[in-house]
Amino acid sequence: MVSVIIPALNEESALAGTLESVRTAKGHFEIIVVDGQSTDTTAGIASRYGRTLSAPPHRGLQMNRGAEQARGEVLLFLHADVIFPPGGFLAIEEALADPRVVGGNFDLSFDGKSAVSCIFTRINRWRRHFGVFYGDSGIFVRREVFARLGGYRVIPLMEDYDFARRLVKSGRTVFLQEKLLVSARRWEEYGVFRTMASWFFLHTLYYLGVPPATLARYYPPVRRHVALAEQAAAQQPRASGP
């Protein structure tokens, strides 16, 4: 069985679509949403699809909490704003039939038909050849391997990249051709050049040993930016009628 673990925080606008895509996929699985003390209806939405746990609003802590409660032999970590492919579980099962495989991730496609979506999709595939992948691509891992690696490190940024690097070093990983449809909200909000510059800037500093707590100051969650924009819009005076 695959335990699908989804950390979520104020994701009421996206979570139902993600959970529905998981529920309709073929395979043997359970769904665990770990809510990071959301202030919207995230927890209520999650409760309609599977188990809902609570944890402090920290992605690494949330994913580790889900893994502790999981019953499956395989752990699959998904973001709350992706669409899971119908054949995703079968692809995982086929990949892990090889005992040498410790885990892996999915190909992904950013939503929308713009040139920027295509660019980021190609960049993701290119960097995967160098063992570089992130949580938005659906990291899956054998339960015993996850335990041996000590799970996710509780750091404010790069916890998924850190885990992926350790996973690649621990054994053979696979890149599944089944595609996750991933939200493009970050680059849509900040723009392609700013997003790319931020990515290179943060990784350069990370390799130079800058603490993740410092890096996190330069990479605010998109939902925080959107929430602030919505709050500001709500505070604008309404135009009066004629």
C-alpha atoms as a PDB file:
ATOM      1  CA  MET A   1       0.000   0.000   0.000  1.00  0.00           C
ATOM      2  CA  VAL A   2       1.085   3.563  -0.735  1.00  0.00           C
ATOM      3  CA  SER A   3       0.556   6.149   1.982  1.00  0.00           C
ATOM      4  CA  VAL A   4      -0.074   9.524   0.355  1.00  0.00           C
ATOM      5  CA  ILE A   5       1.074  12.264   2.719  1.00  0.00           C
ATOM      6  CA  ILE A   6       0.064  15.850   1.952  1.00  0.00           C
ATOM      7  CA  PRO A   7       1.222  18.751   4.137  1.00  0.00           C
ATOM      8  CA  ALA A   8      -1.226  21.630   3.878  1.00  0.00           C
ATOM      9  CA  LEU A   9      -1.626  25.136   5.214  1.00  0.00           C
ATOM     10  CA  ASN A  10      -4.533  27.346   4.108  1.00  0.00           C
ATOM     11  CA  GLU A  11      -4.962  25.431   0.850  1.00  0.00           C
ATOM     12  CA  GLU A  12      -8.758  25.467   0.566  1.00  0.00           C
ATOM     13  CA  SER A  13      -8.621  26.707  -3.031  1.00  0.00           C
ATOM     14  CA  ALA A  14      -6.442  23.846  -4.312  1.00  0.00           C
ATOM     15  CA  LEU A  15      -6.683  20.894  -1.946  1.00  0.00           C
ATOM     16  CA  ALA A  16      -9.965  19.373  -3.123  1.00  0.00           C
ATOM     17  CA  GLY A  17      -8.684  19.051  -6.684  1.00  0.00           C
ATOM     18  CA  THR A  18      -5.527  17.331  -5.479  1.00  0.00           C
ATOM     19  CA  LEU A  19      -7.378  14.898  -3.241  1.00  0.00           C
ATOM     20  CA  GLU A  20      -9.957  14.086  -5.903  1.00  0.00           C
ATOM     21  CA  SER A  21      -7.202  13.221  -8.393  1.00  0.00           C
ATOM     22  CA  VAL A  22      -5.593  10.912  -5.831  1.00  0.00           C
ATOM     23  CA  ARG A  23      -8.873   9.248  -4.892  1.00  0.00           C
ATOM     24  CA  THR A  24      -9.718   8.382  -8.492  1.00  0.00           C
ATOM     25  CA  ALA A  25      -6.290   6.929  -9.333  1.00  0.00           C
ATOM     26  CA  LYS A  26      -5.949   3.158  -9.655  1.00  0.00           C
ATOM     27  CA  GLY A  27      -4.139   1.386  -6.847  1.00  0.00           C
ATOM     28  CA  HIS A  28      -4.067   0.495  -3.161  1.00  0.00           C
ATOM     29  CA  PHE A  29      -3.459   3.583  -1.065  1.00  0.00           C
ATOM     30  CA  GLU A  30      -4.412   5.678   1.925  1.00  0.00           C
ATOM     31  CA  ILE A  31      -4.607   9.472   2.137  1.00  0.00           C
ATOM     32  CA  ILE A  32      -3.161  11.427   5.060  1.00  0.00           C
ATOM     33  CA  VAL A  33      -3.396  15.217   5.121  1.00  0.00           C
ATOM     34  CA  VAL A  34      -1.302  16.898   7.792  1.00  0.00           C
ATOM     35  CA  ASP A  35      -2.815  20.294   8.442  1.00  0.00           C
ATOM     36  CA  GLY A  36      -0.477  23.002   9.687  1.00  0.00           C
ATOM     37  CA  GLN A  37      -3.077  24.796  11.820  1.00  0.00           C
ATOM     38  CA  SER A  38      -4.923  26.338   8.878  1.00  0.00           C
ATOM     39  CA  THR A  39      -7.283  29.230   9.482  1.00  0.00           C
ATOM     40  CA  ASP A  40      -9.507  28.415   6.487  1.00  0.00           C
ATOM     41  CA  THR A  41     -11.504  25.283   5.568  1.00  0.00           C
ATOM     42  CA  THR A  42      -8.480  23.139   4.665  1.00  0.00           C
ATOM     43  CA  ALA A  43      -8.988  20.654   7.526  1.00  0.00           C
ATOM     44  CA  GLY A  44     -12.675  20.226   6.725  1.00  0.00           C
ATOM     45  CA  ILE A  45     -11.954  19.513   3.061  1.00  0.00           C
ATOM     46  CA  ALA A  46      -9.243  17.011   3.985  1.00  0.00           C
ATOM     47  CA  SER A  47     -11.535  15.117   6.371  1.00  0.00           C
ATOM     48  CA  ARG A  48     -13.792  14.142   3.469  1.00  0.00           C
ATOM     49  CA  TYR A  49     -11.020  12.214   1.747  1.00  0.00           C
ATOM     50  CA  GLY A  50      -8.980  10.471   4.427  1.00  0.00           C
ATOM     51  CA  ARG A  51      -7.232  10.885   7.721  1.00  0.00           C
ATOM     52  CA  THR A  52      -6.416  14.397   8.884  1.00  0.00           C
ATOM     53  CA  LEU A  53      -3.609  15.050  11.336  1.00  0.00           C
ATOM     54  CA  SER A  54      -2.436  18.280  12.892  1.00  0.00           C
ATOM     55  CA  ALA A  55       1.094  19.594  13.277  1.00  0.00           C
ATOM     56  CA  PRO A  56       2.878  22.923  13.666  1.00  0.00           C
ATOM     57  CA  PRO A  57       3.011  24.866  10.369  1.00  0.00           C
ATOM     58  CA  HIS A  58       6.336  23.516   9.150  1.00  0.00           C
ATOM     59  CA  ARG A  59       6.463  21.311   6.065  1.00  0.00           C
ATOM     60  CA  GLY A  60       9.238  19.040   7.330  1.00  0.00           C
ATOM     61  CA  LEU A  61       7.458  18.459  10.639  1.00  0.00           C
ATOM     62  CA  GLN A  62       4.151  17.887   8.879  1.00  0.00           C
ATOM     63  CA  MET A  63       5.567  15.285   6.494  1.00  0.00           C
ATOM     64  CA  ASN A  64       7.394  13.468   9.294  1.00  0.00           C
ATOM     65  CA  ARG A  65       4.205  13.419  11.353  1.00  0.00           C
ATOM     66  CA  GLY A  66       2.328  11.870   8.450  1.00  0.00           C
ATOM     67  CA  ALA A  67       5.051   9.272   7.942  1.00  0.00           C
ATOM     68  CA  GLU A  68       4.856   8.301  11.629  1.00  0.00           C
ATOM     69  CA  GLN A  69       1.156   7.526  11.288  1.00  0.00           C
ATOM     70  CA  ALA A  70       1.314   5.927   7.833  1.00  0.00           C
ATOM     71  CA  ARG A  71       0.420   2.270   7.355  1.00  0.00           C
ATOM     72  CA  GLY A  72       1.821   1.776   3.866  1.00  0.00           C
ATOM     73  CA  GLU A  73       5.080   0.172   2.801  1.00  0.00           C
ATOM     74  CA  VAL A  74       5.653   3.110   0.457  1.00  0.00           C
ATOM     75  CA  LEU A  75       5.425   6.806   1.318  1.00  0.00           C
ATOM     76  CA  LEU A  76       4.417   9.336  -1.328  1.00  0.00           C
ATOM     77  CA  PHE A  77       4.707  13.025  -0.470  1.00  0.00           C
ATOM     78  CA  LEU A  78       2.550  15.382  -2.517  1.00  0.00           C
ATOM     79  CA  HIS A  79       2.069  19.118  -2.443  1.00  0.00           C
ATOM     80  CA  ALA A  80      -1.469  20.349  -1.899  1.00  0.00           C
ATOM     81  CA  ASP A  81      -1.725  22.015  -5.327  1.00  0.00           C
ATOM     82  CA  VAL A  82      -0.941  19.209  -7.790  1.00  0.00           C
ATOM     83  CA  ILE A  83      -3.074  16.870  -9.902  1.00  0.00           C
ATOM     84  CA  PHE A  84      -2.029  13.248  -9.541  1.00  0.00           C
ATOM     85  CA  PRO A  85      -2.007  11.074 -12.699  1.00  0.00           C
ATOM     86  CA  PRO A  86      -4.510   8.175 -12.954  1.00  0.00           C
ATOM     87  CA  GLY A  87      -1.704   5.635 -13.425  1.00  0.00           C
ATOM     88  CA  GLY A  88       0.588   7.060 -10.765  1.00  0.00           C
ATOM     89  CA  PHE A  89       0.236   4.284  -8.188  1.00  0.00           C
ATOM     90  CA  LEU A  90       0.659   1.559 -10.791  1.00  0.00           C
ATOM     91  CA  ALA A  91       3.835   3.286 -12.008  1.00  0.00           C
ATOM     92  CA  ILE A  92       5.224   3.320  -8.457  1.00  0.00           C
ATOM     93  CA  GLU A  93       4.380  -0.349  -8.003  1.00  0.00           C
ATOM     94  CA  GLU A  94       6.117  -1.266 -11.241  1.00  0.00           C
ATOM     95  CA  ALA A  95       9.222   0.763 -10.364  1.00  0.00           C
ATOM     96  CA  LEU A  96       9.540  -0.725  -6.883  1.00  0.00           C
ATOM     97  CA  ALA A  97       9.262  -4.261  -8.228  1.00  0.00           C
ATOM     98  CA  ASP A  98      13.007  -3.816  -8.686  1.00  0.00           C
ATOM     99  CA  PRO A  99      14.451  -4.273  -5.167  1.00  0.00           C
ATOM    100  CA  ARG A 100      17.383  -2.029  -6.045  1.00  0.00           C
ATOM    101  CA  VAL A 101      15.090   0.995  -6.342  1.00  0.00           C
ATOM    102  CA  VAL A 102      14.804   2.983  -3.110  1.00  0.00           C
ATOM    103  CA  GLY A 103      12.389   5.610  -4.428  1.00  0.00           C
ATOM    104  CA  GLY A 104      12.101   8.405  -6.933  1.00  0.00           C
ATOM    105  CA  ASN A 105       9.807  11.088  -8.275  1.00  0.00           C
ATOM    106  CA  PHE A 106       7.453  11.935 -11.137  1.00  0.00           C
ATOM    107  CA  ASP A 107       7.803  13.970 -14.259  1.00  0.00           C
ATOM    108  CA  LEU A 108       5.760  17.120 -14.021  1.00  0.00           C
ATOM    109  CA  SER A 109       4.043  19.636 -16.201  1.00  0.00           C
ATOM    110  CA  PHE A 110       3.200  23.153 -15.076  1.00  0.00           C
ATOM    111  CA  ASP A 111      -0.403  24.126 -15.675  1.00  0.00           C
ATOM    112  CA  GLY A 112      -1.293  26.541 -18.437  1.00  0.00           C
ATOM    113  CA  LYS A 113      -0.265  26.630 -22.076  1.00  0.00           C
ATOM    114  CA  SER A 114       2.019  29.631 -21.972  1.00  0.00           C
ATOM    115  CA  ALA A 115       5.613  29.593 -23.154  1.00  0.00           C
ATOM    116  CA  VAL A 116       6.752  30.067 -19.573  1.00  0.00           C
ATOM    117  CA  SER A 117       4.955  26.876 -18.483  1.00  0.00           C
ATOM    118  CA  CYS A 118       6.779  24.962 -21.209  1.00  0.00           C
ATOM    119  CA  ILE A 119      10.119  26.493 -20.204  1.00  0.00           C
ATOM    120  CA  PHE A 120       9.790  25.498 -16.567  1.00  0.00           C
ATOM    121  CA  THR A 121       8.608  22.011 -17.511  1.00  0.00           C
ATOM    122  CA  ARG A 122      11.713  21.515 -19.662  1.00  0.00           C
ATOM    123  CA  ILE A 123      13.998  22.914 -16.974  1.00  0.00           C
ATOM    124  CA  ASN A 124      12.594  20.413 -14.494  1.00  0.00           C
ATOM    125  CA  ARG A 125      13.345  17.494 -16.827  1.00  0.00           C
ATOM    126  CA  TRP A 126      16.833  18.788 -17.585  1.00  0.00           C
ATOM    127  CA  ARG A 127      17.872  19.177 -13.962  1.00  0.00           C
ATOM    128  CA  ARG A 128      16.491  15.709 -13.057  1.00  0.00           C
ATOM    129  CA  HIS A 129      19.309  14.192 -15.133  1.00  0.00           C
ATOM    130  CA  PHE A 130      21.673  15.674 -12.532  1.00  0.00           C
ATOM    131  CA  GLY A 131      19.725  14.222  -9.605  1.00  0.00           C
ATOM    132  CA  VAL A 132      18.024  17.520  -8.799  1.00  0.00           C
ATOM    133  CA  PHE A 133      14.343  17.342  -7.885  1.00  0.00           C
ATOM    134  CA  TYR A 134      11.951  18.785  -5.340  1.00  0.00           C
ATOM    135  CA  GLY A 135       8.803  18.025  -3.431  1.00  0.00           C
ATOM    136  CA  ASP A 136       6.520  19.401  -6.135  1.00  0.00           C
ATOM    137  CA  SER A 137       7.440  16.397  -8.294  1.00  0.00           C
ATOM    138  CA  GLY A 138       5.968  13.869  -5.860  1.00  0.00           C
ATOM    139  CA  ILE A 139       8.813  12.182  -3.982  1.00  0.00           C
ATOM    140  CA  PHE A 140       8.138   8.541  -3.102  1.00  0.00           C
ATOM    141  CA  VAL A 141      10.311   6.261  -0.981  1.00  0.00           C
ATOM    142  CA  ARG A 142      10.242   2.849   0.621  1.00  0.00           C
ATOM    143  CA  ARG A 143       9.188   3.174   4.251  1.00  0.00           C
ATOM    144  CA  GLU A 144      12.306   1.483   5.615  1.00  0.00           C
ATOM    145  CA  VAL A 145      14.558   3.719   3.517  1.00  0.00           C
ATOM    146  CA  PHE A 146      12.774   6.816   4.830  1.00  0.00           C
ATOM    147  CA  ALA A 147      13.368   5.623   8.391  1.00  0.00           C
ATOM    148  CA  ARG A 148      17.016   4.841   7.684  1.00  0.00           C
ATOM    149  CA  LEU A 149      17.547   8.344   6.299  1.00  0.00           C
ATOM    150  CA  GLY A 150      15.952   9.906   9.357  1.00  0.00           C
ATOM    151  CA  GLY A 151      13.069  11.445   7.435  1.00  0.00           C
ATOM    152  CA  TYR A 152      12.952  15.112   6.517  1.00  0.00           C
ATOM    153  CA  ARG A 153      15.218  17.507   8.332  1.00  0.00           C
ATOM    154  CA  VAL A 154      13.341  20.184  10.221  1.00  0.00           C
ATOM    155  CA  ILE A 155      14.713  23.206   8.402  1.00  0.00           C
ATOM    156  CA  PRO A 156      12.692  26.206   7.159  1.00  0.00           C
ATOM    157  CA  LEU A 157      13.666  25.801   3.499  1.00  0.00           C
ATOM    158  CA  MET A 158      15.200  23.210   1.158  1.00  0.00           C
ATOM    159  CA  GLU A 159      13.922  20.289   3.258  1.00  0.00           C
ATOM    160  CA  ASP A 160      12.695  18.529   0.106  1.00  0.00           C
ATOM    161  CA  TYR A 161      15.900  19.149  -1.849  1.00  0.00           C
ATOM    162  CA  ASP A 162      17.973  18.008   1.129  1.00  0.00           C
ATOM    163  CA  PHE A 163      15.979  14.795   1.380  1.00  0.00           C
ATOM    164  CA  ALA A 164      16.154  14.179  -2.376  1.00  0.00           C
ATOM    165  CA  ARG A 165      19.941  14.493  -2.308  1.00  0.00           C
ATOM    166  CA  ARG A 166      20.199  11.974   0.519  1.00  0.00           C
ATOM    167  CA  LEU A 167      17.754   9.653  -1.239  1.00  0.00           C
ATOM    168  CA  VAL A 168      19.801   9.689  -4.459  1.00  0.00           C
ATOM    169  CA  LYS A 169      22.955   8.856  -2.491  1.00  0.00           C
ATOM    170  CA  SER A 170      21.248   5.953  -0.694  1.00  0.00           C
ATOM    171  CA  GLY A 171      20.522   3.865  -3.794  1.00  0.00           C
ATOM    172  CA  ARG A 172      18.894   3.742  -7.190  1.00  0.00           C
ATOM    173  CA  THR A 173      16.094   6.231  -7.850  1.00  0.00           C
ATOM    174  CA  VAL A 174      13.713   6.373 -10.795  1.00  0.00           C
ATOM    175  CA  PHE A 175      12.124   9.215 -12.739  1.00  0.00           C
ATOM    176  CA  LEU A 176       8.587   8.154 -13.595  1.00  0.00           C
ATOM    177  CA  GLN A 177       7.152   9.369 -16.887  1.00  0.00           C
ATOM    178  CA  GLU A 178       3.653   9.695 -15.453  1.00  0.00           C
ATOM    179  CA  LYS A 179       3.152  13.438 -15.075  1.00  0.00           C
ATOM    180  CA  LEU A 180       1.979  15.492 -12.149  1.00  0.00           C
ATOM    181  CA  LEU A 181       0.165  18.663 -13.146  1.00  0.00           C
ATOM    182  CA  VAL A 182       1.726  21.334 -10.946  1.00  0.00           C
ATOM    183  CA  SER A 183       0.440  24.797 -10.132  1.00  0.00           C
ATOM    184  CA  ALA A 184       2.413  27.600 -11.768  1.00  0.00           C
ATOM    185  CA  ARG A 185       1.261  30.134  -9.183  1.00  0.00           C
ATOM    186  CA  ARG A 186       4.763  31.051  -7.985  1.00  0.00           C
ATOM    187  CA  TRP A 187       6.205  32.113 -11.311  1.00  0.00           C
ATOM    188  CA  GLU A 188       2.871  33.594 -12.354  1.00  0.00           C
ATOM    189  CA  GLU A 189       2.953  35.741  -9.226  1.00  0.00           C
ATOM    190  CA  TYR A 190       6.619  36.730  -9.368  1.00  0.00           C
ATOM    191  CA  GLY A 191       7.459  36.363 -13.057  1.00  0.00           C
ATOM    192  CA  VAL A 192       9.788  33.959 -14.837  1.00  0.00           C
ATOM    193  CA  PHE A 193      12.994  35.970 -14.574  1.00  0.00           C
ATOM    194  CA  ARG A 194      12.547  36.828 -10.925  1.00  0.00           C
ATOM    195  CA  THR A 195      11.693  33.203 -10.121  1.00  0.00           C
ATOM    196  CA  MET A 196      14.752  31.867 -11.951  1.00  0.00           C
ATOM    197  CA  ALA A 197      17.044  34.479 -10.422  1.00  0.00           C
ATOM    198  CA  SER A 198      15.723  33.600  -6.992  1.00  0.00           C
ATOM    199  CA  TRP A 199      16.300  29.886  -7.633  1.00  0.00           C
ATOM    200  CA  PHE A 200      19.934  30.362  -8.674  1.00  0.00           C
ATOM    201  CA  PHE A 201      20.553  32.866  -5.880  1.00  0.00           C
ATOM    202  CA  LEU A 202      19.210  30.587  -3.158  1.00  0.00           C
ATOM    203  CA  HIS A 203      21.008  27.495  -4.422  1.00  0.00           C
ATOM    204  CA  THR A 204      24.315  29.321  -4.681  1.00  0.00           C
ATOM    205  CA  LEU A 205      23.999  30.490  -1.092  1.00  0.00           C
ATOM    206  CA  TYR A 206      22.872  27.018   0.008  1.00  0.00           C
ATOM    207  CA  TYR A 207      25.978  25.405  -1.517  1.00  0.00           C
ATOM    208  CA  LEU A 208      28.104  28.068   0.175  1.00  0.00           C
ATOM    209  CA  GLY A 209      26.727  26.975   3.522  1.00  0.00           C
ATOM    210  CA  VAL A 210      24.263  29.773   4.271  1.00  0.00           C
ATOM    211  CA  PRO A 211      21.774  28.464   6.889  1.00  0.00           C
ATOM    212  CA  PRO A 212      18.282  27.600   5.547  1.00  0.00           C
ATOM    213  CA  ALA A 213      16.756  29.910   8.164  1.00  0.00           C
ATOM    214  CA  THR A 214      18.510  32.818   6.490  1.00  0.00           C
ATOM    215  CA  LEU A 215      17.533  31.682   2.991  1.00  0.00           C
ATOM    216  CA  ALA A 216      13.876  31.411   3.994  1.00  0.00           C
ATOM    217  CA  ARG A 217      13.719  35.181   4.418  1.00  0.00           C
ATOM    218  CA  TYR A 218      14.127  35.536   0.655  1.00  0.00           C
ATOM    219  CA  TYR A 219      11.572  32.861  -0.312  1.00  0.00           C
ATOM    220  CA  PRO A 220       8.161  33.622   1.205  1.00  0.00           C
ATOM    221  CA  PRO A 221       5.327  31.128   0.602  1.00  0.00           C
ATOM    222  CA  VAL A 222       3.163  32.103  -2.364  1.00  0.00           C
ATOM    223  CA  ARG A 223      -0.040  31.693  -0.357  1.00  0.00           C
ATOM    224  CA  ARG A 224       1.231  34.340   2.086  1.00  0.00           C
ATOM    225  CA  HIS A 225       1.789  36.775  -0.781  1.00  0.00           C
ATOM    226  CA  VAL A 226      -1.626  36.025  -2.261  1.00  0.00           C
ATOM    227  CA  ALA A 227      -3.315  36.361   1.130  1.00  0.00           C
ATOM    228  CA  LEU A 228      -1.752  39.763   1.653  1.00  0.00           C
ATOM    229  CA  ALA A 229      -2.861  40.861  -1.813  1.00  0.00           C
ATOM    230  CA  GLU A 230      -6.405  39.713  -1.128  1.00  0.00           C
ATOM    231  CA  GLN A 231      -6.402  41.449   2.236  1.00  0.00           C
ATOM    232  CA  ALA A 232      -5.201  44.680   0.651  1.00  0.00           C
ATOM    233  CA  ALA A 233      -7.871  44.450  -2.055  1.00  0.00           C
ATOM    234  CA  ALA A 234     -10.561  43.909   0.546  1.00  0.00           C
ATOM    235  CA  GLN A 235      -9.491  47.041   2.353  1.00  0.00           C
ATOM    236  CA  GLN A 236      -9.796  49.215  -0.743  1.00  0.00           C
ATOM    237  CA  PRO A 237     -12.845  51.493  -0.665  1.00  0.00           C
ATOM    238  CA  ARG A 238     -15.612  50.349  -2.965  1.00  0.00           C
ATOM    239  CA  ALA A 239     -16.648  52.603  -5.805  1.00  0.00           C
ATOM    240  CA  SER A 240     -20.004  54.185  -5.193  1.00  0.00           C
ATOM    241  CA  GLY A 241     -22.793  53.734  -7.671  1.00  0.00           C
ATOM    242  CA  PRO A 242     -24.065  56.452 -10.005  1.00  0.00           C
END
